[in-house]
Amino acid sequence: GWTDELKLDRDQLHQSQEACRVEEENIAKRKEELAELQSLNDLDLNEVSPVLEQAVLALSSVSKSDITELKSYKNPPELVQFACEALCILFERDTSWDSAMLLLQDVCLMKDMANLKKE
């Protein structure tokens, strides 16, 4: 009868309430995890921002003749190779010396480096 239906409805209600409680706990855990990740991200940005600012300022001291000198290397010194590989990575290019040479030929390279996303 109707009491059996009422009992069944009550049981379903309790099951739904339990499922909601479990889901709320999961959401609360995820919020905590996100907050922790956000705080780590903020720390990383606070550490990196001054370095990035210095790097952008340093770009103003790089001249066309500096770029021309880099392009003249057939077998670059290790540090030059390393710096050019990093540049290729920043611009999501292959890290080969040939790829770096193509990147160095880009007339907008200096402007593009200064405008790299700071995120």
PDB file of N, CA and C in Angstrom:
ATOM      1  N   GLY A   1       0.781  -1.165   0.000  1.00  0.00           N
ATOM      2  CA  GLY A   1       0.000   0.000   0.000  1.00  0.00           C
ATOM      3  C   GLY A   1       0.844   1.259   0.000  1.00  0.00           C
ATOM      4  N   TRP A   2       0.158   2.298   0.404  1.00  0.00           N
ATOM      5  CA  TRP A   2       0.806   3.604   0.354  1.00  0.00           C
ATOM      6  C   TRP A   2       1.938   3.732   1.368  1.00  0.00           C
ATOM      7  N   THR A   3       1.889   2.942   2.454  1.00  0.00           N
ATOM      8  CA  THR A   3       2.978   2.996   3.439  1.00  0.00           C
ATOM      9  C   THR A   3       4.258   2.393   2.866  1.00  0.00           C
ATOM     10  N   ASP A   4       4.082   1.370   2.043  1.00  0.00           N
ATOM     11  CA  ASP A   4       5.257   0.782   1.391  1.00  0.00           C
ATOM     12  C   ASP A   4       5.888   1.789   0.418  1.00  0.00           C
ATOM     13  N   GLU A   5       5.032   2.508  -0.326  1.00  0.00           N
ATOM     14  CA  GLU A   5       5.522   3.529  -1.251  1.00  0.00           C
ATOM     15  C   GLU A   5       6.221   4.648  -0.488  1.00  0.00           C
ATOM     16  N   LEU A   6       5.634   5.039   0.634  1.00  0.00           N
ATOM     17  CA  LEU A   6       6.213   6.086   1.467  1.00  0.00           C
ATOM     18  C   LEU A   6       7.582   5.647   1.993  1.00  0.00           C
ATOM     19  N   LYS A   7       7.680   4.397   2.439  1.00  0.00           N
ATOM     20  CA  LYS A   7       8.952   3.873   2.934  1.00  0.00           C
ATOM     21  C   LYS A   7       9.983   3.844   1.816  1.00  0.00           C
ATOM     22  N   LEU A   8       9.564   3.423   0.624  1.00  0.00           N
ATOM     23  CA  LEU A   8      10.459   3.377  -0.532  1.00  0.00           C
ATOM     24  C   LEU A   8      10.929   4.789  -0.894  1.00  0.00           C
ATOM     25  N   ASP A   9      10.000   5.748  -0.910  1.00  0.00           N
ATOM     26  CA  ASP A   9      10.360   7.138  -1.191  1.00  0.00           C
ATOM     27  C   ASP A   9      11.339   7.666  -0.146  1.00  0.00           C
ATOM     28  N   ARG A  10      11.106   7.329   1.114  1.00  0.00           N
ATOM     29  CA  ARG A  10      11.986   7.790   2.189  1.00  0.00           C
ATOM     30  C   ARG A  10      13.386   7.190   2.018  1.00  0.00           C
ATOM     31  N   ASP A  11      13.445   5.900   1.662  1.00  0.00           N
ATOM     32  CA  ASP A  11      14.741   5.249   1.437  1.00  0.00           C
ATOM     33  C   ASP A  11      15.484   5.895   0.262  1.00  0.00           C
ATOM     34  N   GLN A  12      14.740   6.189  -0.794  1.00  0.00           N
ATOM     35  CA  GLN A  12      15.360   6.843  -1.955  1.00  0.00           C
ATOM     36  C   GLN A  12      15.853   8.246  -1.583  1.00  0.00           C
ATOM     37  N   LEU A  13      15.082   8.931  -0.765  1.00  0.00           N
ATOM     38  CA  LEU A  13      15.479  10.255  -0.299  1.00  0.00           C
ATOM     39  C   LEU A  13      16.782  10.165   0.493  1.00  0.00           C
ATOM     40  N   HIS A  14      16.882   9.206   1.393  1.00  0.00           N
ATOM     41  CA  HIS A  14      18.102   9.033   2.190  1.00  0.00           C
ATOM     42  C   HIS A  14      19.297   8.694   1.298  1.00  0.00           C
ATOM     43  N   GLN A  15      19.061   7.856   0.285  1.00  0.00           N
ATOM     44  CA  GLN A  15      20.139   7.508  -0.643  1.00  0.00           C
ATOM     45  C   GLN A  15      20.600   8.756  -1.413  1.00  0.00           C
ATOM     46  N   SER A  16      19.637   9.544  -1.848  1.00  0.00           N
ATOM     47  CA  SER A  16      19.967  10.769  -2.581  1.00  0.00           C
ATOM     48  C   SER A  16      20.706  11.755  -1.684  1.00  0.00           C
ATOM     49  N   GLN A  17      20.269  11.882  -0.437  1.00  0.00           N
ATOM     50  CA  GLN A  17      20.931  12.780   0.501  1.00  0.00           C
ATOM     51  C   GLN A  17      22.368  12.326   0.749  1.00  0.00           C
ATOM     52  N   GLU A  18      22.572  11.020   0.880  1.00  0.00           N
ATOM     53  CA  GLU A  18      23.916  10.479   1.094  1.00  0.00           C
ATOM     54  C   GLU A  18      24.791  10.742  -0.127  1.00  0.00           C
ATOM     55  N   ALA A  19      24.226  10.546  -1.309  1.00  0.00           N
ATOM     56  CA  ALA A  19      24.981  10.802  -2.540  1.00  0.00           C
ATOM     57  C   ALA A  19      25.362  12.285  -2.627  1.00  0.00           C
ATOM     58  N   CYS A  20      24.460  13.162  -2.259  1.00  0.00           N
ATOM     59  CA  CYS A  20      24.736  14.601  -2.259  1.00  0.00           C
ATOM     60  C   CYS A  20      25.828  14.944  -1.245  1.00  0.00           C
ATOM     61  N   ARG A  21      25.765  14.314  -0.074  1.00  0.00           N
ATOM     62  CA  ARG A  21      26.774  14.577   0.951  1.00  0.00           C
ATOM     63  C   ARG A  21      28.156  14.171   0.461  1.00  0.00           C
ATOM     64  N   VAL A  22      28.233  12.996  -0.170  1.00  0.00           N
ATOM     65  CA  VAL A  22      29.508  12.513  -0.700  1.00  0.00           C
ATOM     66  C   VAL A  22      30.013  13.462  -1.788  1.00  0.00           C
ATOM     67  N   GLU A  23      29.108  13.884  -2.648  1.00  0.00           N
ATOM     68  CA  GLU A  23      29.500  14.812  -3.718  1.00  0.00           C
ATOM     69  C   GLU A  23      29.953  16.156  -3.156  1.00  0.00           C
ATOM     70  N   GLU A  24      29.277  16.644  -2.127  1.00  0.00           N
ATOM     71  CA  GLU A  24      29.699  17.893  -1.482  1.00  0.00           C
ATOM     72  C   GLU A  24      31.092  17.762  -0.882  1.00  0.00           C
ATOM     73  N   GLU A  25      31.382  16.605  -0.300  1.00  0.00           N
ATOM     74  CA  GLU A  25      32.726  16.366   0.249  1.00  0.00           C
ATOM     75  C   GLU A  25      33.766  16.375  -0.870  1.00  0.00           C
ATOM     76  N   ASN A  26      33.427  15.736  -1.992  1.00  0.00           N
ATOM     77  CA  ASN A  26      34.345  15.729  -3.144  1.00  0.00           C
ATOM     78  C   ASN A  26      34.586  17.144  -3.655  1.00  0.00           C
ATOM     79  N   ILE A  27      33.534  17.919  -3.736  1.00  0.00           N
ATOM     80  CA  ILE A  27      33.658  19.305  -4.200  1.00  0.00           C
ATOM     81  C   ILE A  27      34.518  20.104  -3.232  1.00  0.00           C
ATOM     82  N   ALA A  28      34.305  19.918  -1.947  1.00  0.00           N
ATOM     83  CA  ALA A  28      35.093  20.636  -0.947  1.00  0.00           C
ATOM     84  C   ALA A  28      36.579  20.271  -1.067  1.00  0.00           C
ATOM     85  N   LYS A  29      36.875  18.990  -1.284  1.00  0.00           N
ATOM     86  CA  LYS A  29      38.268  18.555  -1.459  1.00  0.00           C
ATOM     87  C   LYS A  29      38.876  19.198  -2.700  1.00  0.00           C
ATOM     88  N   ARG A  30      38.120  19.215  -3.765  1.00  0.00           N
ATOM     89  CA  ARG A  30      38.630  19.805  -5.012  1.00  0.00           C
ATOM     90  C   ARG A  30      38.861  21.305  -4.854  1.00  0.00           C
ATOM     91  N   LYS A  31      37.981  21.972  -4.124  1.00  0.00           N
ATOM     92  CA  LYS A  31      38.175  23.400  -3.877  1.00  0.00           C
ATOM     93  C   LYS A  31      39.465  23.636  -3.102  1.00  0.00           C
ATOM     94  N   GLU A  32      39.723  22.782  -2.115  1.00  0.00           N
ATOM     95  CA  GLU A  32      40.968  22.896  -1.352  1.00  0.00           C
ATOM     96  C   GLU A  32      42.173  22.671  -2.256  1.00  0.00           C
ATOM     97  N   GLU A  33      42.100  21.647  -3.102  1.00  0.00           N
ATOM     98  CA  GLU A  33      43.203  21.358  -4.021  1.00  0.00           C
ATOM     99  C   GLU A  33      43.435  22.531  -4.971  1.00  0.00           C
ATOM    100  N   LEU A  34      42.352  23.094  -5.502  1.00  0.00           N
ATOM    101  CA  LEU A  34      42.476  24.230  -6.402  1.00  0.00           C
ATOM    102  C   LEU A  34      43.067  25.444  -5.695  1.00  0.00           C
ATOM    103  N   ALA A  35      42.633  25.672  -4.462  1.00  0.00           N
ATOM    104  CA  ALA A  35      43.175  26.799  -3.695  1.00  0.00           C
ATOM    105  C   ALA A  35      44.674  26.613  -3.470  1.00  0.00           C
ATOM    106  N   GLU A  36      45.083  25.387  -3.170  1.00  0.00           N
ATOM    107  CA  GLU A  36      46.497  25.103  -2.963  1.00  0.00           C
ATOM    108  C   GLU A  36      47.288  25.315  -4.253  1.00  0.00           C
ATOM    109  N   LEU A  37      46.754  24.822  -5.364  1.00  0.00           N
ATOM    110  CA  LEU A  37      47.425  25.023  -6.650  1.00  0.00           C
ATOM    111  C   LEU A  37      47.514  26.501  -7.002  1.00  0.00           C
ATOM    112  N   GLN A  38      46.454  27.241  -6.730  1.00  0.00           N
ATOM    113  CA  GLN A  38      46.457  28.675  -7.013  1.00  0.00           C
ATOM    114  C   GLN A  38      47.521  29.386  -6.186  1.00  0.00           C
ATOM    115  N   SER A  39      47.648  29.006  -4.906  1.00  0.00           N
ATOM    116  CA  SER A  39      48.657  29.653  -4.065  1.00  0.00           C
ATOM    117  C   SER A  39      50.063  29.303  -4.549  1.00  0.00           C
ATOM    118  N   LEU A  40      50.273  28.052  -4.998  1.00  0.00           N
ATOM    119  CA  LEU A  40      51.578  27.677  -5.559  1.00  0.00           C
ATOM    120  C   LEU A  40      51.855  28.444  -6.843  1.00  0.00           C
ATOM    121  N   ASN A  41      50.827  28.586  -7.660  1.00  0.00           N
ATOM    122  CA  ASN A  41      50.970  29.341  -8.900  1.00  0.00           C
ATOM    123  C   ASN A  41      51.326  30.792  -8.603  1.00  0.00           C
ATOM    124  N   ASP A  42      50.663  31.384  -7.610  1.00  0.00           N
ATOM    125  CA  ASP A  42      50.952  32.762  -7.229  1.00  0.00           C
ATOM    126  C   ASP A  42      52.384  32.891  -6.743  1.00  0.00           C
ATOM    127  N   LEU A  43      52.849  31.913  -5.959  1.00  0.00           N
ATOM    128  CA  LEU A  43      54.232  31.940  -5.488  1.00  0.00           C
ATOM    129  C   LEU A  43      55.198  31.880  -6.661  1.00  0.00           C
ATOM    130  N   ASP A  44      54.917  30.970  -7.606  1.00  0.00           N
ATOM    131  CA  ASP A  44      55.777  30.836  -8.788  1.00  0.00           C
ATOM    132  C   ASP A  44      55.826  32.152  -9.561  1.00  0.00           C
ATOM    133  N   LEU A  45      54.669  32.772  -9.764  1.00  0.00           N
ATOM    134  CA  LEU A  45      54.636  34.032 -10.497  1.00  0.00           C
ATOM    135  C   LEU A  45      55.398  35.126  -9.764  1.00  0.00           C
ATOM    136  N   ASN A  46      55.268  35.154  -8.446  1.00  0.00           N
ATOM    137  CA  ASN A  46      55.988  36.157  -7.671  1.00  0.00           C
ATOM    138  C   ASN A  46      57.492  35.977  -7.771  1.00  0.00           C
ATOM    139  N   GLU A  47      57.936  34.717  -7.882  1.00  0.00           N
ATOM    140  CA  GLU A  47      59.357  34.452  -8.022  1.00  0.00           C
ATOM    141  C   GLU A  47      59.841  34.748  -9.436  1.00  0.00           C
ATOM    142  N   VAL A  48      59.020  34.449 -10.425  1.00  0.00           N
ATOM    143  CA  VAL A  48      59.435  34.570 -11.811  1.00  0.00           C
ATOM    144  C   VAL A  48      59.290  35.990 -12.338  1.00  0.00           C
ATOM    145  N   SER A  49      58.316  36.731 -11.866  1.00  0.00           N
ATOM    146  CA  SER A  49      58.047  38.057 -12.416  1.00  0.00           C
ATOM    147  C   SER A  49      59.264  38.970 -12.420  1.00  0.00           C
ATOM    148  N   PRO A  50      60.015  39.093 -11.315  1.00  0.00           N
ATOM    149  CA  PRO A  50      61.191  39.972 -11.360  1.00  0.00           C
ATOM    150  C   PRO A  50      62.224  39.511 -12.386  1.00  0.00           C
ATOM    151  N   VAL A  51      62.392  38.210 -12.509  1.00  0.00           N
ATOM    152  CA  VAL A  51      63.354  37.673 -13.483  1.00  0.00           C
ATOM    153  C   VAL A  51      62.882  37.985 -14.899  1.00  0.00           C
ATOM    154  N   LEU A  52      61.588  37.816 -15.140  1.00  0.00           N
ATOM    155  CA  LEU A  52      61.026  38.103 -16.448  1.00  0.00           C
ATOM    156  C   LEU A  52      61.182  39.583 -16.787  1.00  0.00           C
ATOM    157  N   GLU A  53      60.918  40.432 -15.812  1.00  0.00           N
ATOM    158  CA  GLU A  53      61.062  41.878 -16.034  1.00  0.00           C
ATOM    159  C   GLU A  53      62.502  42.225 -16.390  1.00  0.00           C
ATOM    160  N   GLN A  54      63.463  41.618 -15.689  1.00  0.00           N
ATOM    161  CA  GLN A  54      64.876  41.860 -15.981  1.00  0.00           C
ATOM    162  C   GLN A  54      65.224  41.373 -17.388  1.00  0.00           C
ATOM    163  N   ALA A  55      64.666  40.229 -17.759  1.00  0.00           N
ATOM    164  CA  ALA A  55      64.933  39.686 -19.091  1.00  0.00           C
ATOM    165  C   ALA A  55      64.391  40.610 -20.179  1.00  0.00           C
ATOM    166  N   VAL A  56      63.182  41.129 -19.975  1.00  0.00           N
ATOM    167  CA  VAL A  56      62.598  42.047 -20.958  1.00  0.00           C
ATOM    168  C   VAL A  56      63.439  43.318 -21.040  1.00  0.00           C
ATOM    169  N   LEU A  57      63.905  43.826 -19.898  1.00  0.00           N
ATOM    170  CA  LEU A  57      64.781  44.995 -19.912  1.00  0.00           C
ATOM    171  C   LEU A  57      66.089  44.700 -20.632  1.00  0.00           C
ATOM    172  N   ALA A  58      66.624  43.500 -20.424  1.00  0.00           N
ATOM    173  CA  ALA A  58      67.881  43.123 -21.074  1.00  0.00           C
ATOM    174  C   ALA A  58      67.730  43.082 -22.592  1.00  0.00           C
ATOM    175  N   LEU A  59      66.527  42.796 -23.069  1.00  0.00           N
ATOM    176  CA  LEU A  59      66.304  42.757 -24.519  1.00  0.00           C
ATOM    177  C   LEU A  59      66.618  44.098 -25.166  1.00  0.00           C
ATOM    178  N   SER A  60      66.409  45.167 -24.431  1.00  0.00           N
ATOM    179  CA  SER A  60      66.658  46.485 -25.008  1.00  0.00           C
ATOM    180  C   SER A  60      68.144  46.712 -25.283  1.00  0.00           C
ATOM    181  N   SER A  61      69.011  45.927 -24.666  1.00  0.00           N
ATOM    182  CA  SER A  61      70.450  46.083 -24.911  1.00  0.00           C
ATOM    183  C   SER A  61      70.941  45.207 -26.054  1.00  0.00           C
ATOM    184  N   VAL A  62      70.077  44.350 -26.586  1.00  0.00           N
ATOM    185  CA  VAL A  62      70.460  43.490 -27.708  1.00  0.00           C
ATOM    186  C   VAL A  62      70.300  44.288 -28.998  1.00  0.00           C
ATOM    187  N   SER A  63      71.363  44.298 -29.797  1.00  0.00           N
ATOM    188  CA  SER A  63      71.338  45.075 -31.037  1.00  0.00           C
ATOM    189  C   SER A  63      71.222  44.155 -32.252  1.00  0.00           C
ATOM    190  N   LYS A  64      70.991  44.778 -33.408  1.00  0.00           N
ATOM    191  CA  LYS A  64      70.932  44.007 -34.646  1.00  0.00           C
ATOM    192  C   LYS A  64      72.269  43.326 -34.898  1.00  0.00           C
ATOM    193  N   SER A  65      73.362  43.998 -34.549  1.00  0.00           N
ATOM    194  CA  SER A  65      74.677  43.390 -34.779  1.00  0.00           C
ATOM    195  C   SER A  65      74.867  42.163 -33.889  1.00  0.00           C
ATOM    196  N   ASP A  66      74.260  42.176 -32.695  1.00  0.00           N
ATOM    197  CA  ASP A  66      74.317  40.984 -31.834  1.00  0.00           C
ATOM    198  C   ASP A  66      73.616  39.801 -32.511  1.00  0.00           C
ATOM    199  N   ILE A  67      72.459  40.064 -33.082  1.00  0.00           N
ATOM    200  CA  ILE A  67      71.707  39.017 -33.778  1.00  0.00           C
ATOM    201  C   ILE A  67      72.497  38.535 -34.999  1.00  0.00           C
ATOM    202  N   THR A  68      73.094  39.481 -35.726  1.00  0.00           N
ATOM    203  CA  THR A  68      73.902  39.126 -36.894  1.00  0.00           C
ATOM    204  C   THR A  68      75.073  38.238 -36.481  1.00  0.00           C
ATOM    205  N   GLU A  69      75.698  38.568 -35.351  1.00  0.00           N
ATOM    206  CA  GLU A  69      76.803  37.750 -34.857  1.00  0.00           C
ATOM    207  C   GLU A  69      76.326  36.335 -34.538  1.00  0.00           C
ATOM    208  N   LEU A  70      75.168  36.219 -33.899  1.00  0.00           N
ATOM    209  CA  LEU A  70      74.630  34.890 -33.590  1.00  0.00           C
ATOM    210  C   LEU A  70      74.396  34.090 -34.868  1.00  0.00           C
ATOM    211  N   LYS A  71      73.862  34.760 -35.882  1.00  0.00           N
ATOM    212  CA  LYS A  71      73.563  34.071 -37.137  1.00  0.00           C
ATOM    213  C   LYS A  71      74.828  33.655 -37.876  1.00  0.00           C
ATOM    214  N   SER A  72      75.960  34.280 -37.560  1.00  0.00           N
ATOM    215  CA  SER A  72      77.206  33.969 -38.265  1.00  0.00           C
ATOM    216  C   SER A  72      77.838  32.662 -37.795  1.00  0.00           C
ATOM    217  N   TYR A  73      77.425  32.171 -36.627  1.00  0.00           N
ATOM    218  CA  TYR A  73      78.020  30.938 -36.095  1.00  0.00           C
ATOM    219  C   TYR A  73      77.576  29.725 -36.896  1.00  0.00           C
ATOM    220  N   LYS A  74      78.540  28.931 -37.318  1.00  0.00           N
ATOM    221  CA  LYS A  74      78.224  27.640 -37.928  1.00  0.00           C
ATOM    222  C   LYS A  74      78.223  26.572 -36.840  1.00  0.00           C
ATOM    223  N   ASN A  75      79.155  26.693 -35.904  1.00  0.00           N
ATOM    224  CA  ASN A  75      79.268  25.827 -34.732  1.00  0.00           C
ATOM    225  C   ASN A  75      79.263  26.728 -33.502  1.00  0.00           C
ATOM    226  N   PRO A  76      78.101  27.038 -32.960  1.00  0.00           N
ATOM    227  CA  PRO A  76      78.032  28.027 -31.872  1.00  0.00           C
ATOM    228  C   PRO A  76      78.651  27.510 -30.572  1.00  0.00           C
ATOM    229  N   PRO A  77      79.171  28.435 -29.755  1.00  0.00           N
ATOM    230  CA  PRO A  77      79.607  28.035 -28.415  1.00  0.00           C
ATOM    231  C   PRO A  77      78.425  27.433 -27.650  1.00  0.00           C
ATOM    232  N   GLU A  78      78.732  26.623 -26.666  1.00  0.00           N
ATOM    233  CA  GLU A  78      77.705  25.882 -25.927  1.00  0.00           C
ATOM    234  C   GLU A  78      76.648  26.806 -25.313  1.00  0.00           C
ATOM    235  N   LEU A  79      77.068  27.918 -24.725  1.00  0.00           N
ATOM    236  CA  LEU A  79      76.097  28.831 -24.103  1.00  0.00           C
ATOM    237  C   LEU A  79      75.197  29.503 -25.133  1.00  0.00           C
ATOM    238  N   VAL A  80      75.768  29.816 -26.294  1.00  0.00           N
ATOM    239  CA  VAL A  80      74.954  30.396 -27.367  1.00  0.00           C
ATOM    240  C   VAL A  80      73.915  29.371 -27.831  1.00  0.00           C
ATOM    241  N   GLN A  81      74.370  28.138 -28.013  1.00  0.00           N
ATOM    242  CA  GLN A  81      73.461  27.061 -28.412  1.00  0.00           C
ATOM    243  C   GLN A  81      72.349  26.897 -27.375  1.00  0.00           C
ATOM    244  N   PHE A  82      72.718  26.899 -26.104  1.00  0.00           N
ATOM    245  CA  PHE A  82      71.752  26.738 -25.014  1.00  0.00           C
ATOM    246  C   PHE A  82      70.726  27.875 -25.029  1.00  0.00           C
ATOM    247  N   ALA A  83      71.206  29.108 -25.184  1.00  0.00           N
ATOM    248  CA  ALA A  83      70.298  30.266 -25.193  1.00  0.00           C
ATOM    249  C   ALA A  83      69.351  30.199 -26.389  1.00  0.00           C
ATOM    250  N   CYS A  84      69.869  29.786 -27.527  1.00  0.00           N
ATOM    251  CA  CYS A  84      69.018  29.695 -28.721  1.00  0.00           C
ATOM    252  C   CYS A  84      68.011  28.554 -28.609  1.00  0.00           C
ATOM    253  N   GLU A  85      68.407  27.463 -27.967  1.00  0.00           N
ATOM    254  CA  GLU A  85      67.452  26.380 -27.728  1.00  0.00           C
ATOM    255  C   GLU A  85      66.316  26.865 -26.834  1.00  0.00           C
ATOM    256  N   ALA A  86      66.673  27.626 -25.794  1.00  0.00           N
ATOM    257  CA  ALA A  86      65.645  28.179 -24.899  1.00  0.00           C
ATOM    258  C   ALA A  86      64.703  29.095 -25.672  1.00  0.00           C
ATOM    259  N   LEU A  87      65.270  29.896 -26.561  1.00  0.00           N
ATOM    260  CA  LEU A  87      64.460  30.787 -27.388  1.00  0.00           C
ATOM    261  C   LEU A  87      63.501  29.980 -28.260  1.00  0.00           C
ATOM    262  N   CYS A  88      64.011  28.906 -28.845  1.00  0.00           N
ATOM    263  CA  CYS A  88      63.150  28.040 -29.668  1.00  0.00           C
ATOM    264  C   CYS A  88      62.019  27.443 -28.838  1.00  0.00           C
ATOM    265  N   ILE A  89      62.328  27.029 -27.634  1.00  0.00           N
ATOM    266  CA  ILE A  89      61.304  26.458 -26.756  1.00  0.00           C
ATOM    267  C   ILE A  89      60.231  27.501 -26.446  1.00  0.00           C
ATOM    268  N   LEU A  90      60.662  28.734 -26.163  1.00  0.00           N
ATOM    269  CA  LEU A  90      59.699  29.801 -25.868  1.00  0.00           C
ATOM    270  C   LEU A  90      58.740  30.031 -27.024  1.00  0.00           C
ATOM    271  N   PHE A  91      59.261  29.878 -28.245  1.00  0.00           N
ATOM    272  CA  PHE A  91      58.423  30.096 -29.418  1.00  0.00           C
ATOM    273  C   PHE A  91      57.875  28.796 -30.006  1.00  0.00           C
ATOM    274  N   GLU A  92      57.967  27.718 -29.195  1.00  0.00           N
ATOM    275  CA  GLU A  92      57.403  26.418 -29.555  1.00  0.00           C
ATOM    276  C   GLU A  92      57.904  25.931 -30.920  1.00  0.00           C
ATOM    277  N   ARG A  93      59.215  26.011 -31.068  1.00  0.00           N
ATOM    278  CA  ARG A  93      59.879  25.549 -32.282  1.00  0.00           C
ATOM    279  C   ARG A  93      60.795  24.381 -31.948  1.00  0.00           C
ATOM    280  N   ASP A  94      61.226  23.677 -32.986  1.00  0.00           N
ATOM    281  CA  ASP A  94      62.231  22.643 -32.841  1.00  0.00           C
ATOM    282  C   ASP A  94      63.508  23.291 -32.296  1.00  0.00           C
ATOM    283  N   THR A  95      64.256  22.582 -31.478  1.00  0.00           N
ATOM    284  CA  THR A  95      65.422  23.188 -30.821  1.00  0.00           C
ATOM    285  C   THR A  95      66.724  23.004 -31.602  1.00  0.00           C
ATOM    286  N   SER A  96      66.640  22.681 -32.861  1.00  0.00           N
ATOM    287  CA  SER A  96      67.854  22.528 -33.673  1.00  0.00           C
ATOM    288  C   SER A  96      68.464  23.900 -33.968  1.00  0.00           C
ATOM    289  N   TRP A  97      69.747  23.900 -34.322  1.00  0.00           N
ATOM    290  CA  TRP A  97      70.431  25.152 -34.664  1.00  0.00           C
ATOM    291  C   TRP A  97      69.793  25.766 -35.909  1.00  0.00           C
ATOM    292  N   ASP A  98      69.387  24.932 -36.879  1.00  0.00           N
ATOM    293  CA  ASP A  98      68.723  25.444 -38.086  1.00  0.00           C
ATOM    294  C   ASP A  98      67.422  26.169 -37.736  1.00  0.00           C
ATOM    295  N   SER A  99      66.680  25.587 -36.816  1.00  0.00           N
ATOM    296  CA  SER A  99      65.431  26.220 -36.380  1.00  0.00           C
ATOM    297  C   SER A  99      65.718  27.551 -35.691  1.00  0.00           C
ATOM    298  N   ALA A 100      66.767  27.570 -34.879  1.00  0.00           N
ATOM    299  CA  ALA A 100      67.154  28.817 -34.204  1.00  0.00           C
ATOM    300  C   ALA A 100      67.542  29.877 -35.230  1.00  0.00           C
ATOM    301  N   MET A 101      68.256  29.458 -36.284  1.00  0.00           N
ATOM    302  CA  MET A 101      68.658  30.406 -37.333  1.00  0.00           C
ATOM    303  C   MET A 101      67.443  31.004 -38.022  1.00  0.00           C
ATOM    304  N   LEU A 102      66.453  30.178 -38.295  1.00  0.00           N
ATOM    305  CA  LEU A 102      65.217  30.693 -38.899  1.00  0.00           C
ATOM    306  C   LEU A 102      64.537  31.690 -37.970  1.00  0.00           C
ATOM    307  N   LEU A 103      64.531  31.374 -36.693  1.00  0.00           N
ATOM    308  CA  LEU A 103      63.921  32.265 -35.711  1.00  0.00           C
ATOM    309  C   LEU A 103      64.681  33.591 -35.648  1.00  0.00           C
ATOM    310  N   LEU A 104      66.007  33.535 -35.683  1.00  0.00           N
ATOM    311  CA  LEU A 104      66.817  34.749 -35.615  1.00  0.00           C
ATOM    312  C   LEU A 104      66.659  35.619 -36.859  1.00  0.00           C
ATOM    313  N   GLN A 105      66.193  35.039 -37.957  1.00  0.00           N
ATOM    314  CA  GLN A 105      65.978  35.808 -39.186  1.00  0.00           C
ATOM    315  C   GLN A 105      64.654  36.568 -39.173  1.00  0.00           C
ATOM    316  N   ASP A 106      63.803  36.245 -38.230  1.00  0.00           N
ATOM    317  CA  ASP A 106      62.494  36.903 -38.125  1.00  0.00           C
ATOM    318  C   ASP A 106      62.697  38.364 -37.725  1.00  0.00           C
ATOM    319  N   VAL A 107      62.267  39.291 -38.570  1.00  0.00           N
ATOM    320  CA  VAL A 107      62.478  40.719 -38.295  1.00  0.00           C
ATOM    321  C   VAL A 107      61.676  41.200 -37.083  1.00  0.00           C
ATOM    322  N   CYS A 108      60.677  40.458 -36.697  1.00  0.00           N
ATOM    323  CA  CYS A 108      59.848  40.843 -35.548  1.00  0.00           C
ATOM    324  C   CYS A 108      60.283  40.135 -34.258  1.00  0.00           C
ATOM    325  N   LEU A 109      61.397  39.424 -34.294  1.00  0.00           N
ATOM    326  CA  LEU A 109      61.806  38.606 -33.151  1.00  0.00           C
ATOM    327  C   LEU A 109      61.915  39.413 -31.860  1.00  0.00           C
ATOM    328  N   MET A 110      62.592  40.549 -31.904  1.00  0.00           N
ATOM    329  CA  MET A 110      62.798  41.336 -30.680  1.00  0.00           C
ATOM    330  C   MET A 110      61.458  41.787 -30.098  1.00  0.00           C
ATOM    331  N   LYS A 111      60.595  42.269 -30.966  1.00  0.00           N
ATOM    332  CA  LYS A 111      59.268  42.712 -30.514  1.00  0.00           C
ATOM    333  C   LYS A 111      58.485  41.526 -29.964  1.00  0.00           C
ATOM    334  N   ASP A 112      58.554  40.390 -30.658  1.00  0.00           N
ATOM    335  CA  ASP A 112      57.833  39.196 -30.214  1.00  0.00           C
ATOM    336  C   ASP A 112      58.358  38.712 -28.862  1.00  0.00           C
ATOM    337  N   MET A 113      59.663  38.787 -28.654  1.00  0.00           N
ATOM    338  CA  MET A 113      60.226  38.365 -27.360  1.00  0.00           C
ATOM    339  C   MET A 113      59.738  39.280 -26.243  1.00  0.00           C
ATOM    340  N   ALA A 114      59.686  40.571 -26.504  1.00  0.00           N
ATOM    341  CA  ALA A 114      59.235  41.516 -25.485  1.00  0.00           C
ATOM    342  C   ALA A 114      57.763  41.330 -25.172  1.00  0.00           C
ATOM    343  N   ASN A 115      57.022  40.800 -26.143  1.00  0.00           N
ATOM    344  CA  ASN A 115      55.567  40.639 -25.956  1.00  0.00           C
ATOM    345  C   ASN A 115      55.160  39.234 -25.567  1.00  0.00           C
ATOM    346  N   LEU A 116      56.136  38.372 -25.261  1.00  0.00           N
ATOM    347  CA  LEU A 116      55.781  37.017 -24.847  1.00  0.00           C
ATOM    348  C   LEU A 116      54.815  37.075 -23.679  1.00  0.00           C
ATOM    349  N   LYS A 117      53.890  36.129 -23.655  1.00  0.00           N
ATOM    350  CA  LYS A 117      52.926  36.080 -22.544  1.00  0.00           C
ATOM    351  C   LYS A 117      53.654  35.997 -21.235  1.00  0.00           C
ATOM    352  N   LYS A 118      53.214  36.759 -20.292  1.00  0.00           N
ATOM    353  CA  LYS A 118      53.843  36.784 -18.979  1.00  0.00           C
ATOM    354  C   LYS A 118      53.077  35.927 -17.995  1.00  0.00           C
ATOM    355  N   GLU A 119      52.388  34.918 -18.501  1.00  0.00           N
ATOM    356  CA  GLU A 119      51.574  34.052 -17.651  1.00  0.00           C
ATOM    357  C   GLU A 119      52.324  32.800 -17.307  1.00  0.00           C
TER     358      GLU A 119
END
